[in-house]
C-alpha atoms as a PDB file:
ATOM      1  CA  MET A   1      21.821  21.150 -30.104  1.00  0.00           C
ATOM      2  CA  ASN A   2      19.001  23.471 -29.106  1.00  0.00           C
ATOM      3  CA  GLU A   3      17.781  23.366 -32.649  1.00  0.00           C
ATOM      4  CA  TYR A   4      17.126  19.627 -32.392  1.00  0.00           C
ATOM      5  CA  ALA A   5      15.471  19.846 -28.939  1.00  0.00           C
ATOM      6  CA  GLN A   6      12.684  22.165 -30.047  1.00  0.00           C
ATOM      7  CA  PRO A   7      11.188  19.921 -32.740  1.00  0.00           C
ATOM      8  CA  GLU A   8      11.242  16.960 -30.335  1.00  0.00           C
ATOM      9  CA  ALA A   9       9.358  18.922 -27.724  1.00  0.00           C
ATOM     10  CA  SER A  10       6.890  20.020 -30.338  1.00  0.00           C
ATOM     11  CA  ARG A  11       6.218  16.427 -31.361  1.00  0.00           C
ATOM     12  CA  ARG A  12       5.678  15.341 -27.767  1.00  0.00           C
ATOM     13  CA  ASP A  13       3.137  18.150 -27.309  1.00  0.00           C
ATOM     14  CA  ARG A  14       1.264  17.038 -30.374  1.00  0.00           C
ATOM     15  CA  ARG A  15       1.213  13.437 -29.142  1.00  0.00           C
ATOM     16  CA  TYR A  16      -0.113  14.541 -25.759  1.00  0.00           C
ATOM     17  CA  LYS A  17      -2.789  16.592 -27.373  1.00  0.00           C
ATOM     18  CA  GLY A  18      -3.765  13.654 -29.600  1.00  0.00           C
ATOM     19  CA  ILE A  19      -3.971  11.342 -26.620  1.00  0.00           C
ATOM     20  CA  ILE A  20      -6.059  13.852 -24.693  1.00  0.00           C
ATOM     21  CA  ILE A  21      -8.396  14.349 -27.660  1.00  0.00           C
ATOM     22  CA  LEU A  22      -8.667  10.566 -28.049  1.00  0.00           C
ATOM     23  CA  LEU A  23      -9.475  10.156 -24.363  1.00  0.00           C
ATOM     24  CA  VAL A  24     -12.072  12.911 -24.562  1.00  0.00           C
ATOM     25  CA  LEU A  25     -13.662  11.227 -27.574  1.00  0.00           C
ATOM     26  CA  ILE A  26     -13.677   7.872 -25.774  1.00  0.00           C
ATOM     27  CA  ILE A  27     -15.267   9.474 -22.712  1.00  0.00           C
ATOM     28  CA  ILE A  28     -17.854  11.192 -24.868  1.00  0.00           C
ATOM     29  CA  GLY A  29     -18.597   7.872 -26.607  1.00  0.00           C
ATOM     30  CA  LEU A  30     -18.930   6.110 -23.274  1.00  0.00           C
ATOM     31  CA  VAL A  31     -21.258   8.815 -21.996  1.00  0.00           C
ATOM     32  CA  ILE A  32     -23.386   8.608 -25.152  1.00  0.00           C
ATOM     33  CA  ALA A  33     -23.509   4.804 -24.905  1.00  0.00           C
ATOM     34  CA  LEU A  34     -24.472   5.000 -21.258  1.00  0.00           C
ATOM     35  CA  LEU A  35     -27.189   7.526 -22.003  1.00  0.00           C
ATOM     36  CA  GLN A  36     -28.542   5.346 -24.795  1.00  0.00           C
ATOM     37  CA  GLN A  37     -28.510   2.310 -22.505  1.00  0.00           C
ATOM     38  CA  ASN A  38     -30.383   4.235 -19.781  1.00  0.00           C
ATOM     39  CA  LYS A  39     -32.896   5.449 -22.335  1.00  0.00           C
ATOM     40  CA  SER A  40     -33.454   1.883 -23.522  1.00  0.00           C
ATOM     41  CA  SER A  41     -33.981   0.736 -19.920  1.00  0.00           C
ATOM     42  CA  VAL A  42     -36.484   3.509 -19.311  1.00  0.00           C
ATOM     43  CA  VAL A  43     -38.359   2.537 -22.490  1.00  0.00           C
ATOM     44  CA  LYS A  44     -38.429  -1.105 -21.388  1.00  0.00           C
ATOM     45  CA  ILE A  45     -39.698  -0.146 -17.952  1.00  0.00           C
ATOM     46  CA  GLU A  46     -42.394   2.060 -19.429  1.00  0.00           C
ATOM     47  CA  GLN A  47     -43.398  -0.740 -21.794  1.00  0.00           C
ATOM     48  CA  LYS A  48     -43.531  -3.211 -18.895  1.00  0.00           C
ATOM     49  CA  VAL A  49     -45.688  -0.848 -16.867  1.00  0.00           C
ATOM     50  CA  LYS A  50     -48.064  -0.418 -19.812  1.00  0.00           C
ATOM     51  CA  GLU A  51     -48.241  -4.180 -20.335  1.00  0.00           C
ATOM     52  CA  ASN A  52     -48.963  -4.820 -16.663  1.00  0.00           C
ATOM     53  CA  LEU A  53     -51.591  -2.072 -16.613  1.00  0.00           C
ATOM     54  CA  THR A  54     -53.259  -3.601 -19.690  1.00  0.00           C
ATOM     55  CA  LEU A  55     -53.230  -7.071 -18.107  1.00  0.00           C
ATOM     56  CA  GLN A  56     -54.603  -5.766 -14.805  1.00  0.00           C
ATOM     57  CA  THR A  57     -57.359  -3.843 -16.616  1.00  0.00           C
ATOM     58  CA  GLU A  58     -58.382  -6.941 -18.556  1.00  0.00           C
ATOM     59  CA  LEU A  59     -58.349  -9.034 -15.374  1.00  0.00           C
ATOM     60  CA  ASP A  60     -60.462  -6.502 -13.473  1.00  0.00           C
ATOM     61  CA  SER A  61     -62.949  -6.236 -16.348  1.00  0.00           C
ATOM     62  CA  LEU A  62     -63.195 -10.010 -16.631  1.00  0.00           C
ATOM     63  CA  MET A  63     -63.839 -10.475 -12.897  1.00  0.00           C
ATOM     64  CA  LYS A  64     -66.354  -7.620 -12.820  1.00  0.00           C
ATOM     65  CA  GLU A  65     -68.268  -9.247 -15.669  1.00  0.00           C
ATOM     66  CA  HIS A  66     -68.108 -12.558 -13.782  1.00  0.00           C
ATOM     67  CA  ASP A  67     -69.626 -10.957 -10.650  1.00  0.00           C
ATOM     68  CA  VAL A  68     -72.419  -9.354 -12.699  1.00  0.00           C
ATOM     69  CA  ILE A  69     -73.260 -12.740 -14.236  1.00  0.00           C
ATOM     70  CA  LYS A  70     -73.401 -14.338 -10.782  1.00  0.00           C
ATOM     71  CA  LEU A  71     -75.738 -11.606  -9.581  1.00  0.00           C
ATOM     72  CA  GLU A  72     -78.025 -11.976 -12.607  1.00  0.00           C
ATOM     73  CA  TYR A  73     -78.414 -15.745 -12.216  1.00  0.00           C
ATOM     74  CA  GLY A  74     -78.986 -15.512  -8.462  1.00  0.00           C
ATOM     75  CA  GLU A  75     -79.599 -18.845  -6.745  1.00  0.00           C
ATOM     76  CA  LEU A  76     -78.582 -20.821  -9.836  1.00  0.00           C
ATOM     77  CA  ALA A  77     -75.013 -19.555  -9.376  1.00  0.00           C
ATOM     78  CA  ASP A  78     -74.964 -21.091  -5.895  1.00  0.00           C
ATOM     79  CA  SER A  79     -74.953 -24.547  -7.499  1.00  0.00           C
ATOM     80  CA  LEU A  80     -71.592 -23.789  -9.180  1.00  0.00           C
ATOM     81  CA  ILE A  81     -69.590 -22.806  -6.094  1.00  0.00           C
ATOM     82  CA  ALA A  82     -66.648 -25.049  -7.032  1.00  0.00           C
ATOM     83  CA  ALA A  83     -66.331 -23.474 -10.495  1.00  0.00           C
ATOM     84  CA  ASP A  84     -66.546 -19.985  -9.002  1.00  0.00           C
ATOM     85  CA  SER A  85     -63.812 -20.808  -6.473  1.00  0.00           C
ATOM     86  CA  LEU A  86     -61.527 -22.064  -9.276  1.00  0.00           C
ATOM     87  CA  ILE A  87     -62.049 -18.852 -11.267  1.00  0.00           C
ATOM     88  CA  ARG A  88     -61.193 -16.676  -8.274  1.00  0.00           C
ATOM     89  CA  ALA A  89     -58.112 -18.738  -7.440  1.00  0.00           C
ATOM     90  CA  ASN A  90     -56.806 -18.313 -11.002  1.00  0.00           C
ATOM     91  CA  ALA A  91     -57.555 -14.581 -10.872  1.00  0.00           C
ATOM     92  CA  ASP A  92     -55.532 -14.249  -7.633  1.00  0.00           C
ATOM     93  CA  GLU A  93     -52.619 -16.115  -9.220  1.00  0.00           C
ATOM     94  CA  ILE A  94     -52.637 -13.790 -12.249  1.00  0.00           C
ATOM     95  CA  LYS A  95     -52.783 -10.773  -9.955  1.00  0.00           C
ATOM     96  CA  LYS A  96     -49.667 -11.984  -8.116  1.00  0.00           C
ATOM     97  CA  LEU A  97     -47.840 -12.601 -11.410  1.00  0.00           C
ATOM     98  CA  ILE A  98     -48.640  -9.052 -12.550  1.00  0.00           C
ATOM     99  CA  ALA A  99     -47.393  -7.645  -9.249  1.00  0.00           C
ATOM    100  CA  SER A 100     -44.128  -9.622  -9.542  1.00  0.00           C
ATOM    101  CA  GLN A 101     -43.705  -8.390 -13.163  1.00  0.00           C
ATOM    102  CA  ALA A 102     -43.564 -11.933 -14.486  1.00  0.00           C
ATOM    103  CA  ASP A 103     -43.249 -12.706 -18.195  1.00  0.00           C
ATOM    104  CA  TYR A 104     -45.947 -10.943 -20.199  1.00  0.00           C
ATOM    105  CA  TYR A 105     -46.719 -13.882 -22.447  1.00  0.00           C
ATOM    106  CA  ARG A 106     -46.988 -16.235 -19.488  1.00  0.00           C
ATOM    107  CA  ILE A 107     -49.520 -13.921 -17.862  1.00  0.00           C
ATOM    108  CA  ARG A 108     -51.331 -13.420 -21.174  1.00  0.00           C
ATOM    109  CA  LYS A 109     -51.663 -17.191 -21.596  1.00  0.00           C
ATOM    110  CA  LYS A 110     -53.138 -17.591 -18.110  1.00  0.00           C
ATOM    111  CA  LEU A 111     -55.484 -14.664 -18.672  1.00  0.00           C
ATOM    112  CA  ASP A 112     -56.773 -16.198 -21.919  1.00  0.00           C
ATOM    113  CA  LEU A 113     -57.290 -19.494 -20.132  1.00  0.00           C
ATOM    114  CA  LEU A 114     -59.226 -17.702 -17.370  1.00  0.00           C
ATOM    115  CA  ARG A 115     -61.428 -16.057 -19.998  1.00  0.00           C
ATOM    116  CA  LYS A 116     -62.278 -19.469 -21.445  1.00  0.00           C
ATOM    117  CA  THR A 117     -63.044 -20.749 -17.940  1.00  0.00           C
ATOM    118  CA  THR A 118     -65.452 -17.876 -17.230  1.00  0.00           C
ATOM    119  CA  GLN A 119     -67.122 -18.467 -20.605  1.00  0.00           C
ATOM    120  CA  GLY A 120     -67.577 -22.129 -19.678  1.00  0.00           C
ATOM    121  CA  TYR A 121     -69.027 -21.015 -16.340  1.00  0.00           C
ATOM    122  CA  LEU A 122     -71.538 -18.818 -18.204  1.00  0.00           C
ATOM    123  CA  ASN A 123     -72.461 -21.691 -20.535  1.00  0.00           C
ATOM    124  CA  GLN A 124     -73.129 -23.923 -17.513  1.00  0.00           C
ATOM    125  CA  LEU A 125     -75.393 -21.280 -16.000  1.00  0.00           C
ATOM    126  CA  ASP A 126     -77.268 -20.923 -19.291  1.00  0.00           C
ATOM    127  CA  SER A 127     -77.788 -24.693 -19.410  1.00  0.00           C
ATOM    128  CA  LEU A 128     -79.007 -24.736 -15.814  1.00  0.00           C
ATOM    129  CA  TYR A 129     -81.347 -21.826 -16.488  1.00  0.00           C
ATOM    130  CA  THR A 130     -82.795 -23.533 -19.574  1.00  0.00           C
ATOM    131  CA  ALA A 131     -83.255 -26.825 -17.719  1.00  0.00           C
ATOM    132  CA  ASN A 132     -84.761 -25.065 -14.714  1.00  0.00           C
ATOM    133  CA  ARG A 133     -87.179 -23.091 -16.887  1.00  0.00           C
ATOM    134  CA  LYS A 134     -88.233 -26.293 -18.646  1.00  0.00           C
ATOM    135  CA  LEU A 135     -88.794 -28.009 -15.302  1.00  0.00           C
ATOM    136  CA  THR A 136     -90.741 -24.974 -14.083  1.00  0.00           C
ATOM    137  CA  GLU A 137     -92.966 -25.033 -17.161  1.00  0.00           C
ATOM    138  CA  GLU A 138     -93.509 -28.773 -16.767  1.00  0.00           C
ATOM    139  CA  ASN A 139     -94.277 -28.271 -13.085  1.00  0.00           C
ATOM    140  CA  VAL A 140     -96.789 -25.533 -13.930  1.00  0.00           C
ATOM    141  CA  GLN A 141     -98.435 -27.833 -16.469  1.00  0.00           C
ATOM    142  CA  LEU A 142     -98.547 -30.698 -13.959  1.00  0.00           C
ATOM    143  CA  THR A 143     -99.934 -28.356 -11.295  1.00  0.00           C
ATOM    144  CA  GLN A 144    -102.602 -27.118 -13.694  1.00  0.00           C
ATOM    145  CA  LYS A 145    -103.493 -30.689 -14.642  1.00  0.00           C
ATOM    146  CA  TYR A 146    -103.618 -31.679 -10.978  1.00  0.00           C
ATOM    147  CA  GLU A 147    -105.789 -28.687 -10.082  1.00  0.00           C
ATOM    148  CA  LYS A 148    -108.041 -29.453 -13.042  1.00  0.00           C
ATOM    149  CA  GLN A 149    -108.294 -33.079 -11.935  1.00  0.00           C
ATOM    150  CA  VAL A 150    -109.015 -31.975  -8.363  1.00  0.00           C
ATOM    151  CA  THR A 151    -111.724 -29.645  -9.664  1.00  0.00           C
ATOM    152  CA  ILE A 152    -113.220 -32.463 -11.741  1.00  0.00           C
ATOM    153  CA  SER A 153    -113.076 -34.804  -8.719  1.00  0.00           C
ATOM    154  CA  GLN A 154    -114.698 -32.173  -6.517  1.00  0.00           C
ATOM    155  CA  GLU A 155    -117.403 -31.576  -9.097  1.00  0.00           C
ATOM    156  CA  LEU A 156    -117.976 -35.321  -9.400  1.00  0.00           C
ATOM    157  CA  GLU A 157    -118.094 -35.667  -5.620  1.00  0.00           C
ATOM    158  CA  LYS A 158    -120.471 -32.716  -5.434  1.00  0.00           C
ATOM    159  CA  SER A 159    -122.645 -34.255  -8.142  1.00  0.00           C
ATOM    160  CA  LYS A 160    -122.517 -37.576  -6.310  1.00  0.00           C
ATOM    161  CA  VAL A 161    -123.535 -35.947  -3.033  1.00  0.00           C
ATOM    162  CA  GLU A 162    -126.272 -33.998  -4.781  1.00  0.00           C
ATOM    163  CA  LEU A 163    -127.464 -37.154  -6.516  1.00  0.00           C
ATOM    164  CA  GLU A 164    -127.378 -39.097  -3.264  1.00  0.00           C
ATOM    165  CA  GLY A 165    -129.248 -36.237  -1.625  1.00  0.00           C
ATOM    166  CA  LYS A 166    -131.821 -36.281  -4.383  1.00  0.00           C
ATOM    167  CA  VAL A 167    -132.171 -40.052  -4.148  1.00  0.00           C
ATOM    168  CA  THR A 168    -132.428 -39.822  -0.371  1.00  0.00           C
ATOM    169  CA  GLN A 169    -134.888 -36.985  -0.637  1.00  0.00           C
ATOM    170  CA  ALA A 170    -136.849 -38.894  -3.229  1.00  0.00           C
ATOM    171  CA  ALA A 171    -137.018 -41.863  -0.860  1.00  0.00           C
ATOM    172  CA  VAL A 172    -138.436 -39.742   1.976  1.00  0.00           C
ATOM    173  CA  LEU A 173    -142.102 -40.355   2.634  1.00  0.00           C
ATOM    174  CA  LYS A 174    -144.636 -37.575   2.986  1.00  0.00           C
ATOM    175  CA  ALA A 175    -147.690 -37.174   5.184  1.00  0.00           C
ATOM    176  CA  TYR A 176    -150.700 -35.418   3.674  1.00  0.00           C
ATOM    177  CA  ASN A 177    -154.417 -35.052   4.364  1.00  0.00           C
ATOM    178  CA  ILE A 178    -153.471 -34.453   7.982  1.00  0.00           C
ATOM    179  CA  VAL A 179    -156.444 -34.163  10.352  1.00  0.00           C
ATOM    180  CA  CYS A 180    -155.975 -33.313  14.040  1.00  0.00           C
ATOM    181  CA  GLU A 181    -159.038 -33.553  16.303  1.00  0.00           C
ATOM    182  CA  GLY A 182    -159.904 -33.244  19.956  1.00  0.00           C
ATOM    183  CA  LEU A 183    -162.071 -36.098  21.247  1.00  0.00           C
ATOM    184  CA  ARG A 184    -164.543 -36.416  24.081  1.00  0.00           C
ATOM    185  CA  VAL A 185    -164.545 -40.064  25.212  1.00  0.00           C
ATOM    186  CA  ARG A 186    -167.498 -41.744  26.880  1.00  0.00           C
ATOM    187  CA  GLY A 187    -166.887 -45.483  27.129  1.00  0.00           C
ATOM    188  CA  GLU A 188    -164.878 -47.637  24.774  1.00  0.00           C
ATOM    189  CA  ASP A 189    -167.054 -47.091  21.729  1.00  0.00           C
ATOM    190  CA  SER A 190    -168.228 -43.553  22.334  1.00  0.00           C
ATOM    191  CA  GLU A 191    -166.027 -40.794  20.893  1.00  0.00           C
ATOM    192  CA  LYS A 192    -167.141 -37.370  19.827  1.00  0.00           C
ATOM    193  CA  VAL A 193    -165.102 -34.668  18.157  1.00  0.00           C
ATOM    194  CA  THR A 194    -164.865 -31.528  20.252  1.00  0.00           C
ATOM    195  CA  TYR A 195    -162.747 -28.407  20.280  1.00  0.00           C
ATOM    196  CA  LYS A 196    -163.676 -27.340  23.768  1.00  0.00           C
ATOM    197  CA  ALA A 197    -160.596 -27.533  25.944  1.00  0.00           C
ATOM    198  CA  ARG A 198    -162.533 -28.494  29.059  1.00  0.00           C
ATOM    199  CA  ARG A 199    -164.181 -31.450  27.283  1.00  0.00           C
ATOM    200  CA  VAL A 200    -161.147 -32.917  25.486  1.00  0.00           C
ATOM    201  CA  ASP A 201    -160.128 -36.336  26.764  1.00  0.00           C
ATOM    202  CA  ALA A 202    -157.866 -37.313  23.837  1.00  0.00           C
ATOM    203  CA  VAL A 203    -156.292 -36.060  20.616  1.00  0.00           C
ATOM    204  CA  ARG A 204    -156.361 -38.018  17.381  1.00  0.00           C
ATOM    205  CA  VAL A 205    -153.983 -37.383  14.469  1.00  0.00           C
ATOM    206  CA  CYS A 206    -154.807 -39.057  11.149  1.00  0.00           C
ATOM    207  CA  PHE A 207    -152.995 -38.708   7.816  1.00  0.00           C
ATOM    208  CA  THR A 208    -152.114 -40.514   4.615  1.00  0.00           C
ATOM    209  CA  LEU A 209    -148.562 -41.843   4.254  1.00  0.00           C
ATOM    210  CA  SER A 210    -147.510 -41.237   0.666  1.00  0.00           C
ATOM    211  CA  GLU A 211    -146.795 -43.803  -2.016  1.00  0.00           C
ATOM    212  CA  ASN A 212    -143.080 -43.990  -2.887  1.00  0.00           C
ATOM    213  CA  PRO A 213    -141.684 -46.728  -5.174  1.00  0.00           C
ATOM    214  CA  VAL A 214    -138.019 -45.852  -4.411  1.00  0.00           C
ATOM    215  CA  ALA A 215    -138.384 -46.005  -0.625  1.00  0.00           C
ATOM    216  CA  GLN A 216    -137.198 -49.049   1.264  1.00  0.00           C
ATOM    217  CA  PRO A 217    -140.194 -51.242   2.134  1.00  0.00           C
ATOM    218  CA  GLY A 218    -140.621 -52.771   5.558  1.00  0.00           C
ATOM    219  CA  PRO A 219    -141.421 -51.751   9.117  1.00  0.00           C
ATOM    220  CA  ARG A 220    -141.293 -48.069   9.977  1.00  0.00           C
ATOM    221  CA  ASN A 221    -141.663 -46.143  13.222  1.00  0.00           C
ATOM    222  CA  ILE A 222    -143.843 -43.056  13.007  1.00  0.00           C
ATOM    223  CA  TYR A 223    -143.375 -40.376  15.692  1.00  0.00           C
ATOM    224  CA  VAL A 224    -145.773 -37.514  16.404  1.00  0.00           C
ATOM    225  CA  ARG A 225    -144.866 -34.492  18.510  1.00  0.00           C
ATOM    226  CA  ILE A 226    -147.681 -32.326  19.867  1.00  0.00           C
ATOM    227  CA  ALA A 227    -146.653 -28.924  21.187  1.00  0.00           C
ATOM    228  CA  ARG A 228    -149.064 -27.161  23.555  1.00  0.00           C
ATOM    229  CA  PRO A 229    -149.807 -23.454  23.124  1.00  0.00           C
ATOM    230  CA  ASP A 230    -146.913 -22.747  25.554  1.00  0.00           C
ATOM    231  CA  ASN A 231    -144.590 -24.815  23.243  1.00  0.00           C
ATOM    232  CA  VAL A 232    -144.184 -27.628  25.788  1.00  0.00           C
ATOM    233  CA  ILE A 233    -144.135 -31.049  24.098  1.00  0.00           C
ATOM    234  CA  ILE A 234    -146.788 -33.437  25.400  1.00  0.00           C
ATOM    235  CA  THR A 235    -145.018 -36.695  26.313  1.00  0.00           C
ATOM    236  CA  ARG A 236    -145.483 -39.661  28.622  1.00  0.00           C
ATOM    237  CA  GLY A 237    -141.939 -39.437  30.019  1.00  0.00           C
ATOM    238  CA  LYS A 238    -138.627 -37.581  29.821  1.00  0.00           C
ATOM    239  CA  ASP A 239    -136.209 -40.530  29.572  1.00  0.00           C
ATOM    240  CA  ASP A 240    -134.707 -42.044  26.398  1.00  0.00           C
ATOM    241  CA  ALA A 241    -137.618 -44.455  26.004  1.00  0.00           C
ATOM    242  CA  PHE A 242    -139.712 -41.512  24.852  1.00  0.00           C
ATOM    243  CA  THR A 243    -137.190 -39.963  22.452  1.00  0.00           C
ATOM    244  CA  PHE A 244    -136.060 -40.471  18.849  1.00  0.00           C
ATOM    245  CA  GLU A 245    -133.109 -39.273  16.744  1.00  0.00           C
ATOM    246  CA  HIS A 246    -133.528 -36.283  14.453  1.00  0.00           C
ATOM    247  CA  GLN A 247    -130.536 -34.577  12.791  1.00  0.00           C
ATOM    248  CA  GLY A 248    -128.210 -35.683  15.562  1.00  0.00           C
ATOM    249  CA  GLN A 249    -130.537 -34.654  18.382  1.00  0.00           C
ATOM    250  CA  LYS A 250    -132.818 -36.570  20.703  1.00  0.00           C
ATOM    251  CA  LEU A 251    -136.405 -35.304  20.589  1.00  0.00           C
ATOM    252  CA  ASN A 252    -139.299 -36.267  22.849  1.00  0.00           C
ATOM    253  CA  PHE A 253    -142.331 -37.679  21.105  1.00  0.00           C
ATOM    254  CA  SER A 254    -145.983 -37.662  22.084  1.00  0.00           C
ATOM    255  CA  MET A 255    -147.071 -40.724  20.114  1.00  0.00           C
ATOM    256  CA  LYS A 256    -145.308 -43.587  18.354  1.00  0.00           C
ATOM    257  CA  GLN A 257    -146.624 -46.252  16.028  1.00  0.00           C
ATOM    258  CA  GLU A 258    -144.968 -48.930  13.891  1.00  0.00           C
ATOM    259  CA  VAL A 259    -146.337 -49.532  10.387  1.00  0.00           C
ATOM    260  CA  ASN A 260    -145.431 -52.064   7.720  1.00  0.00           C
ATOM    261  CA  TYR A 261    -144.818 -49.862   4.708  1.00  0.00           C
ATOM    262  CA  GLN A 262    -144.916 -51.538   1.270  1.00  0.00           C
ATOM    263  CA  ASN A 263    -144.433 -48.525  -0.994  1.00  0.00           C
ATOM    264  CA  LYS A 264    -148.179 -47.951  -1.287  1.00  0.00           C
ATOM    265  CA  ALA A 265    -150.150 -45.061   0.159  1.00  0.00           C
ATOM    266  CA  MET A 266    -151.633 -45.942   3.520  1.00  0.00           C
ATOM    267  CA  ASN A 267    -153.819 -44.264   6.109  1.00  0.00           C
ATOM    268  CA  VAL A 268    -152.478 -43.929   9.639  1.00  0.00           C
ATOM    269  CA  CYS A 269    -154.127 -42.748  12.862  1.00  0.00           C
ATOM    270  CA  LEU A 270    -152.500 -42.172  16.261  1.00  0.00           C
ATOM    271  CA  SER A 271    -154.256 -41.179  19.499  1.00  0.00           C
ATOM    272  CA  TRP A 272    -153.164 -39.372  22.641  1.00  0.00           C
ATOM    273  CA  GLU A 273    -155.133 -39.844  25.839  1.00  0.00           C
ATOM    274  CA  LYS A 274    -155.055 -37.089  28.420  1.00  0.00           C
ATOM    275  CA  GLN A 275    -153.373 -38.268  31.637  1.00  0.00           C
ATOM    276  CA  SER A 276    -154.630 -35.713  34.140  1.00  0.00           C
ATOM    277  CA  GLU A 277    -158.065 -34.602  35.284  1.00  0.00           C
ATOM    278  CA  GLU A 278    -157.192 -30.975  34.637  1.00  0.00           C
ATOM    279  CA  PRO A 279    -158.743 -29.482  31.497  1.00  0.00           C
ATOM    280  CA  ALA A 280    -156.586 -29.149  28.419  1.00  0.00           C
ATOM    281  CA  MET A 281    -154.887 -25.829  27.741  1.00  0.00           C
ATOM    282  CA  LYS A 282    -156.736 -23.426  25.506  1.00  0.00           C
ATOM    283  CA  GLY A 283    -154.992 -22.207  22.361  1.00  0.00           C
ATOM    284  CA  THR A 284    -153.308 -23.493  19.228  1.00  0.00           C
ATOM    285  CA  TYR A 285    -151.492 -26.829  19.268  1.00  0.00           C
ATOM    286  CA  ASN A 286    -148.763 -27.610  16.735  1.00  0.00           C
ATOM    287  CA  VAL A 287    -148.424 -31.165  15.421  1.00  0.00           C
ATOM    288  CA  TYR A 288    -145.202 -32.520  13.813  1.00  0.00           C
ATOM    289  CA  ILE A 289    -144.961 -35.939  12.127  1.00  0.00           C
ATOM    290  CA  PHE A 290    -141.596 -37.766  11.717  1.00  0.00           C
ATOM    291  CA  ILE A 291    -140.424 -40.955  10.037  1.00  0.00           C
ATOM    292  CA  ASP A 292    -136.860 -42.243   9.346  1.00  0.00           C
ATOM    293  CA  GLY A 293    -135.459 -39.165  11.093  1.00  0.00           C
ATOM    294  CA  TYR A 294    -137.232 -36.745   8.705  1.00  0.00           C
ATOM    295  CA  GLU A 295    -140.110 -34.406   9.400  1.00  0.00           C
ATOM    296  CA  ILE A 296    -142.728 -35.472   6.858  1.00  0.00           C
ATOM    297  CA  GLY A 297    -145.736 -33.403   7.852  1.00  0.00           C
ATOM    298  CA  TYR A 298    -147.063 -30.531   9.959  1.00  0.00           C
ATOM    299  CA  SER A 299    -150.485 -29.354  11.069  1.00  0.00           C
ATOM    300  CA  GLN A 300    -152.209 -27.586  13.967  1.00  0.00           C
ATOM    301  CA  PHE A 301    -155.524 -27.383  15.764  1.00  0.00           C
ATOM    302  CA  THR A 302    -157.070 -25.012  18.254  1.00  0.00           C
ATOM    303  CA  LEU A 303    -158.940 -25.694  21.479  1.00  0.00           C
ATOM    304  CA  GLU A 304    -161.271 -23.053  22.817  1.00  0.00           C
END
């Protein structure tokens, strides 16, 4: 009986050992499978991190390039605020998708779309720049034409003024052959030229009024101013009745005479009669002749 018990025990031992070996092999297999699974997960995580890093790098580079373009175009970029806002909104959305580790191809698709949008933004800026440069060139040309026209108009106006001045100057009469004399008066028909101050009773100024075919014919007022040696103007009064206009000023006159000028040379004489019994002042007297507001002649005489 003992002989049969030993082989049975031996078989049970072998079965136990086989089961144990099988269990060990299963455990080893499970451990290997688990290790392989963990390794695969690590690889996937590393790949995902690399993909996200690549996407983030591309996004950052794209937005940096966008900011540089905005800076280069300056004020022109301000006219595309809406487009810029759309680009930045899409960039923020992509950034959030990268942070949430969303599907790579979904993010890639949005990133490619953003790149096309930024390219369109650049094309718009180029078009605006070209149009603005064209308008600037046209404006410069118009400004140059305007300035040229203004210069021509100014030159024409200057020529007109010069011509009018020449015509006006040409129409001005002249007094020549001016003779100024002191007179001693004795009765109505007795006059004698004298240059003795104590004997002078009157002053006579005679001259020839020039011929001028371009002057306006008709009545003219001739004014004569006689300045004493002390530069005081001899006049019959100080009110407006004894003044005339000259270059915007009122001047006192010594003598006045109206003539009927008909464009021919004519001789004119005006006389001043002394009003006081006191002798005339010794020295040089200056005589100025005016017509139509212009000084047309000058002379002087001396009383001893």
